[in-house]
Amino acid sequence: MLRDRLNCLTRKTRAFARQPETWDAAVTVCLFEHHWLRPHRALRQEAEGLPNGQRYLRRTPAMARRLADHVWSWTEFLLHPTYHYKKE
């Protein structure tokens, strides 16, 4: 999964992952996208009353674990407030 999403793993150069902070950020965004933004076909649920004649409710792994009640968008992810704690 990571190799499909991160160029620093698919290309022979490590130009974008030389700094540990850059690598950590890239992996974090990739994993967040996988679990919160991307619905997975194996997790869909059959439901009634969906718009446009749909038979299945699209779900992400976060929805399957009941951590979210909807598929997040990139806008929602980027505008979501975050809290940073200093390590002491």
N, C-alpha and C. Protein backbone atom coordinates (compact mmCIF):
# COMPACT_ATOMS: atom_id res chain seq x y z
N MET A 1 0.81 -1.18 0.00
CA MET A 1 0.00 0.00 0.00
C MET A 1 0.87 1.26 0.00
N LEU A 2 1.85 1.33 0.87
CA LEU A 2 2.69 2.52 0.92
C LEU A 2 3.48 2.71 -0.37
N ARG A 3 3.94 1.64 -0.95
CA ARG A 3 4.74 1.75 -2.17
C ARG A 3 3.91 2.33 -3.32
N ASP A 4 2.61 2.06 -3.33
CA ASP A 4 1.74 2.61 -4.37
C ASP A 4 1.50 4.10 -4.20
N ARG A 5 1.58 4.59 -2.99
CA ARG A 5 1.20 5.97 -2.69
C ARG A 5 2.38 6.94 -2.55
N LEU A 6 3.53 6.46 -2.17
CA LEU A 6 4.66 7.35 -1.90
C LEU A 6 5.73 7.23 -2.98
N ASN A 7 5.99 8.34 -3.67
CA ASN A 7 7.02 8.33 -4.70
C ASN A 7 8.40 8.03 -4.15
N CYS A 8 8.64 8.41 -2.90
CA CYS A 8 9.97 8.16 -2.35
C CYS A 8 10.23 6.66 -2.18
N LEU A 9 9.21 5.84 -2.25
CA LEU A 9 9.40 4.39 -2.20
C LEU A 9 9.40 3.75 -3.58
N THR A 10 8.72 4.36 -4.54
CA THR A 10 8.63 3.75 -5.86
C THR A 10 9.80 4.14 -6.75
N ARG A 11 10.37 5.30 -6.52
CA ARG A 11 11.49 5.74 -7.34
C ARG A 11 12.80 5.26 -6.72
N LYS A 12 13.84 5.23 -7.50
CA LYS A 12 15.11 4.75 -6.99
C LYS A 12 15.85 5.80 -6.17
N THR A 13 15.34 7.01 -6.17
CA THR A 13 15.96 8.07 -5.39
C THR A 13 15.25 8.23 -4.05
N ARG A 14 15.98 8.68 -3.06
CA ARG A 14 15.38 8.94 -1.76
C ARG A 14 15.30 10.44 -1.52
N ALA A 15 15.21 11.22 -2.55
CA ALA A 15 15.29 12.67 -2.44
C ALA A 15 14.23 13.25 -1.52
N PHE A 16 13.03 12.68 -1.52
CA PHE A 16 11.96 13.25 -0.72
C PHE A 16 11.87 12.66 0.67
N ALA A 17 12.72 11.71 0.99
CA ALA A 17 12.63 11.07 2.30
C ALA A 17 13.97 11.07 3.03
N ARG A 18 14.81 12.00 2.73
CA ARG A 18 16.12 12.03 3.39
C ARG A 18 16.02 12.50 4.83
N GLN A 19 15.12 13.41 5.10
CA GLN A 19 14.94 13.90 6.46
C GLN A 19 13.91 13.02 7.18
N PRO A 20 14.18 12.63 8.41
CA PRO A 20 13.21 11.81 9.15
C PRO A 20 11.84 12.49 9.30
N GLU A 21 11.83 13.80 9.44
CA GLU A 21 10.57 14.53 9.58
C GLU A 21 9.73 14.42 8.31
N THR A 22 10.39 14.50 7.15
CA THR A 22 9.69 14.40 5.87
C THR A 22 9.11 13.00 5.71
N TRP A 23 9.88 11.99 6.05
CA TRP A 23 9.42 10.61 5.96
C TRP A 23 8.23 10.40 6.88
N ASP A 24 8.33 10.85 8.12
CA ASP A 24 7.23 10.68 9.08
C ASP A 24 5.96 11.37 8.59
N ALA A 25 6.09 12.57 8.05
CA ALA A 25 4.93 13.30 7.54
C ALA A 25 4.29 12.58 6.36
N ALA A 26 5.10 12.09 5.44
CA ALA A 26 4.58 11.40 4.26
C ALA A 26 3.85 10.12 4.64
N VAL A 27 4.41 9.34 5.55
CA VAL A 27 3.77 8.09 5.97
C VAL A 27 2.49 8.39 6.75
N THR A 28 2.51 9.41 7.59
CA THR A 28 1.32 9.77 8.36
C THR A 28 0.18 10.17 7.44
N VAL A 29 0.45 11.01 6.47
CA VAL A 29 -0.60 11.43 5.53
C VAL A 29 -1.11 10.25 4.72
N CYS A 30 -0.22 9.38 4.30
CA CYS A 30 -0.62 8.21 3.51
C CYS A 30 -1.51 7.28 4.33
N LEU A 31 -1.15 7.03 5.57
CA LEU A 31 -1.96 6.15 6.41
C LEU A 31 -3.29 6.79 6.78
N PHE A 32 -3.29 8.10 7.02
CA PHE A 32 -4.54 8.78 7.31
C PHE A 32 -5.48 8.68 6.11
N GLU A 33 -4.95 8.90 4.93
CA GLU A 33 -5.77 8.81 3.72
C GLU A 33 -6.35 7.40 3.57
N HIS A 34 -5.56 6.39 3.86
CA HIS A 34 -6.01 5.01 3.72
C HIS A 34 -7.14 4.69 4.70
N HIS A 35 -7.03 5.16 5.93
CA HIS A 35 -7.99 4.79 6.96
C HIS A 35 -9.20 5.70 7.07
N TRP A 36 -9.08 6.96 6.65
CA TRP A 36 -10.16 7.92 6.87
C TRP A 36 -10.78 8.46 5.58
N LEU A 37 -10.02 8.54 4.50
CA LEU A 37 -10.51 9.20 3.28
C LEU A 37 -10.90 8.25 2.17
N ARG A 38 -10.41 7.03 2.18
CA ARG A 38 -10.60 6.12 1.06
C ARG A 38 -11.54 4.96 1.44
N PRO A 39 -12.75 4.94 0.88
CA PRO A 39 -13.65 3.81 1.14
C PRO A 39 -13.09 2.52 0.53
N HIS A 40 -13.29 1.42 1.22
CA HIS A 40 -12.82 0.13 0.75
C HIS A 40 -14.00 -0.76 0.40
N ARG A 41 -13.92 -1.38 -0.73
CA ARG A 41 -15.02 -2.19 -1.24
C ARG A 41 -15.38 -3.33 -0.29
N ALA A 42 -14.40 -3.94 0.34
CA ALA A 42 -14.66 -5.07 1.23
C ALA A 42 -15.40 -4.66 2.50
N LEU A 43 -15.42 -3.38 2.82
CA LEU A 43 -16.06 -2.91 4.04
C LEU A 43 -17.47 -2.35 3.83
N ARG A 44 -17.93 -2.36 2.59
CA ARG A 44 -19.24 -1.77 2.31
C ARG A 44 -20.34 -2.57 2.99
N GLN A 45 -21.45 -1.86 3.31
CA GLN A 45 -22.59 -2.50 3.94
C GLN A 45 -23.83 -2.31 3.09
N GLU A 46 -24.63 -3.35 3.00
CA GLU A 46 -25.87 -3.24 2.27
C GLU A 46 -26.84 -2.38 3.09
N ALA A 47 -27.48 -1.43 2.42
CA ALA A 47 -28.39 -0.51 3.12
C ALA A 47 -29.54 -0.14 2.20
N GLU A 48 -30.60 0.30 2.81
CA GLU A 48 -31.78 0.73 2.05
C GLU A 48 -31.92 2.24 2.17
N GLY A 49 -32.60 2.82 1.18
CA GLY A 49 -32.87 4.25 1.22
C GLY A 49 -31.71 5.14 0.86
N LEU A 50 -30.72 4.61 0.17
CA LEU A 50 -29.58 5.42 -0.25
C LEU A 50 -29.93 6.17 -1.54
N PRO A 51 -29.33 7.34 -1.76
CA PRO A 51 -29.65 8.12 -2.97
C PRO A 51 -29.14 7.44 -4.24
N ASN A 52 -29.74 7.82 -5.36
CA ASN A 52 -29.34 7.37 -6.70
C ASN A 52 -29.40 5.86 -6.87
N GLY A 53 -30.26 5.18 -6.14
CA GLY A 53 -30.41 3.74 -6.29
C GLY A 53 -29.23 2.92 -5.82
N GLN A 54 -28.39 3.48 -4.99
CA GLN A 54 -27.24 2.73 -4.47
C GLN A 54 -27.72 1.64 -3.53
N ARG A 55 -27.02 0.52 -3.53
CA ARG A 55 -27.37 -0.60 -2.65
C ARG A 55 -26.46 -0.69 -1.45
N TYR A 56 -25.25 -0.14 -1.57
CA TYR A 56 -24.26 -0.31 -0.51
C TYR A 56 -23.80 1.03 0.04
N LEU A 57 -23.57 1.06 1.34
CA LEU A 57 -23.00 2.21 2.02
C LEU A 57 -21.48 2.08 1.98
N ARG A 58 -20.82 3.07 1.39
CA ARG A 58 -19.36 3.04 1.31
C ARG A 58 -18.78 3.34 2.69
N ARG A 59 -17.77 2.53 3.10
CA ARG A 59 -17.18 2.72 4.42
C ARG A 59 -15.66 2.68 4.35
N THR A 60 -15.06 3.44 5.23
CA THR A 60 -13.60 3.43 5.39
C THR A 60 -13.27 2.54 6.59
N PRO A 61 -12.00 2.17 6.78
CA PRO A 61 -11.65 1.41 7.98
C PRO A 61 -11.99 2.15 9.27
N ALA A 62 -11.87 3.47 9.28
CA ALA A 62 -12.23 4.25 10.47
C ALA A 62 -13.73 4.14 10.75
N MET A 63 -14.54 4.10 9.72
CA MET A 63 -15.98 3.93 9.90
C MET A 63 -16.30 2.52 10.39
N ALA A 64 -15.59 1.53 9.89
CA ALA A 64 -15.81 0.15 10.32
C ALA A 64 -15.45 -0.02 11.80
N ARG A 65 -14.46 0.74 12.28
CA ARG A 65 -14.07 0.68 13.69
C ARG A 65 -14.86 1.65 14.56
N ARG A 66 -15.83 2.33 13.93
CA ARG A 66 -16.70 3.31 14.60
C ARG A 66 -15.93 4.51 15.14
N LEU A 67 -14.87 4.90 14.45
CA LEU A 67 -14.13 6.11 14.80
C LEU A 67 -14.64 7.31 14.02
N ALA A 68 -15.37 7.07 12.95
CA ALA A 68 -15.92 8.14 12.12
C ALA A 68 -17.32 7.72 11.68
N ASP A 69 -18.14 8.72 11.38
CA ASP A 69 -19.49 8.41 10.92
C ASP A 69 -19.70 8.75 9.44
N HIS A 70 -18.63 9.20 8.78
CA HIS A 70 -18.70 9.55 7.35
C HIS A 70 -17.31 9.46 6.74
N VAL A 71 -17.27 9.45 5.42
CA VAL A 71 -15.99 9.47 4.70
C VAL A 71 -15.48 10.91 4.72
N TRP A 72 -14.29 11.10 5.23
CA TRP A 72 -13.72 12.44 5.30
C TRP A 72 -13.30 12.91 3.92
N SER A 73 -13.27 14.22 3.72
CA SER A 73 -12.76 14.81 2.48
C SER A 73 -11.39 15.42 2.79
N TRP A 74 -10.63 15.70 1.74
CA TRP A 74 -9.33 16.34 1.93
C TRP A 74 -9.50 17.72 2.57
N THR A 75 -10.55 18.43 2.18
CA THR A 75 -10.81 19.75 2.77
C THR A 75 -11.06 19.63 4.26
N GLU A 76 -11.88 18.68 4.64
CA GLU A 76 -12.16 18.47 6.06
C GLU A 76 -10.88 18.11 6.82
N PHE A 77 -10.06 17.26 6.22
CA PHE A 77 -8.80 16.87 6.85
C PHE A 77 -7.87 18.07 7.03
N LEU A 78 -7.73 18.88 5.99
CA LEU A 78 -6.80 20.00 6.05
C LEU A 78 -7.28 21.12 6.96
N LEU A 79 -8.58 21.27 7.13
CA LEU A 79 -9.11 22.35 7.97
C LEU A 79 -9.44 21.90 9.39
N HIS A 80 -9.27 20.62 9.68
CA HIS A 80 -9.58 20.11 11.01
C HIS A 80 -8.55 20.65 12.02
N PRO A 81 -9.01 21.20 13.15
CA PRO A 81 -8.05 21.73 14.12
C PRO A 81 -7.23 20.61 14.75
N THR A 82 -5.97 20.86 14.93
CA THR A 82 -5.08 19.89 15.56
C THR A 82 -4.46 20.51 16.80
N TYR A 83 -4.03 19.69 17.68
CA TYR A 83 -3.41 20.14 18.91
C TYR A 83 -2.03 19.51 19.01
N HIS A 84 -1.04 20.32 19.28
CA HIS A 84 0.34 19.85 19.40
C HIS A 84 0.77 19.98 20.85
N TYR A 85 1.32 18.91 21.35
CA TYR A 85 1.81 18.90 22.73
C TYR A 85 3.33 18.84 22.69
N LYS A 86 3.94 19.62 23.53
CA LYS A 86 5.40 19.60 23.61
C LYS A 86 5.86 18.45 24.47
N LYS A 87 6.86 17.74 23.99
CA LYS A 87 7.47 16.67 24.77
C LYS A 87 8.42 17.31 25.77
N GLU A 88 8.36 16.84 26.99
CA GLU A 88 9.27 17.41 28.01
C GLU A 88 10.25 16.39 28.47
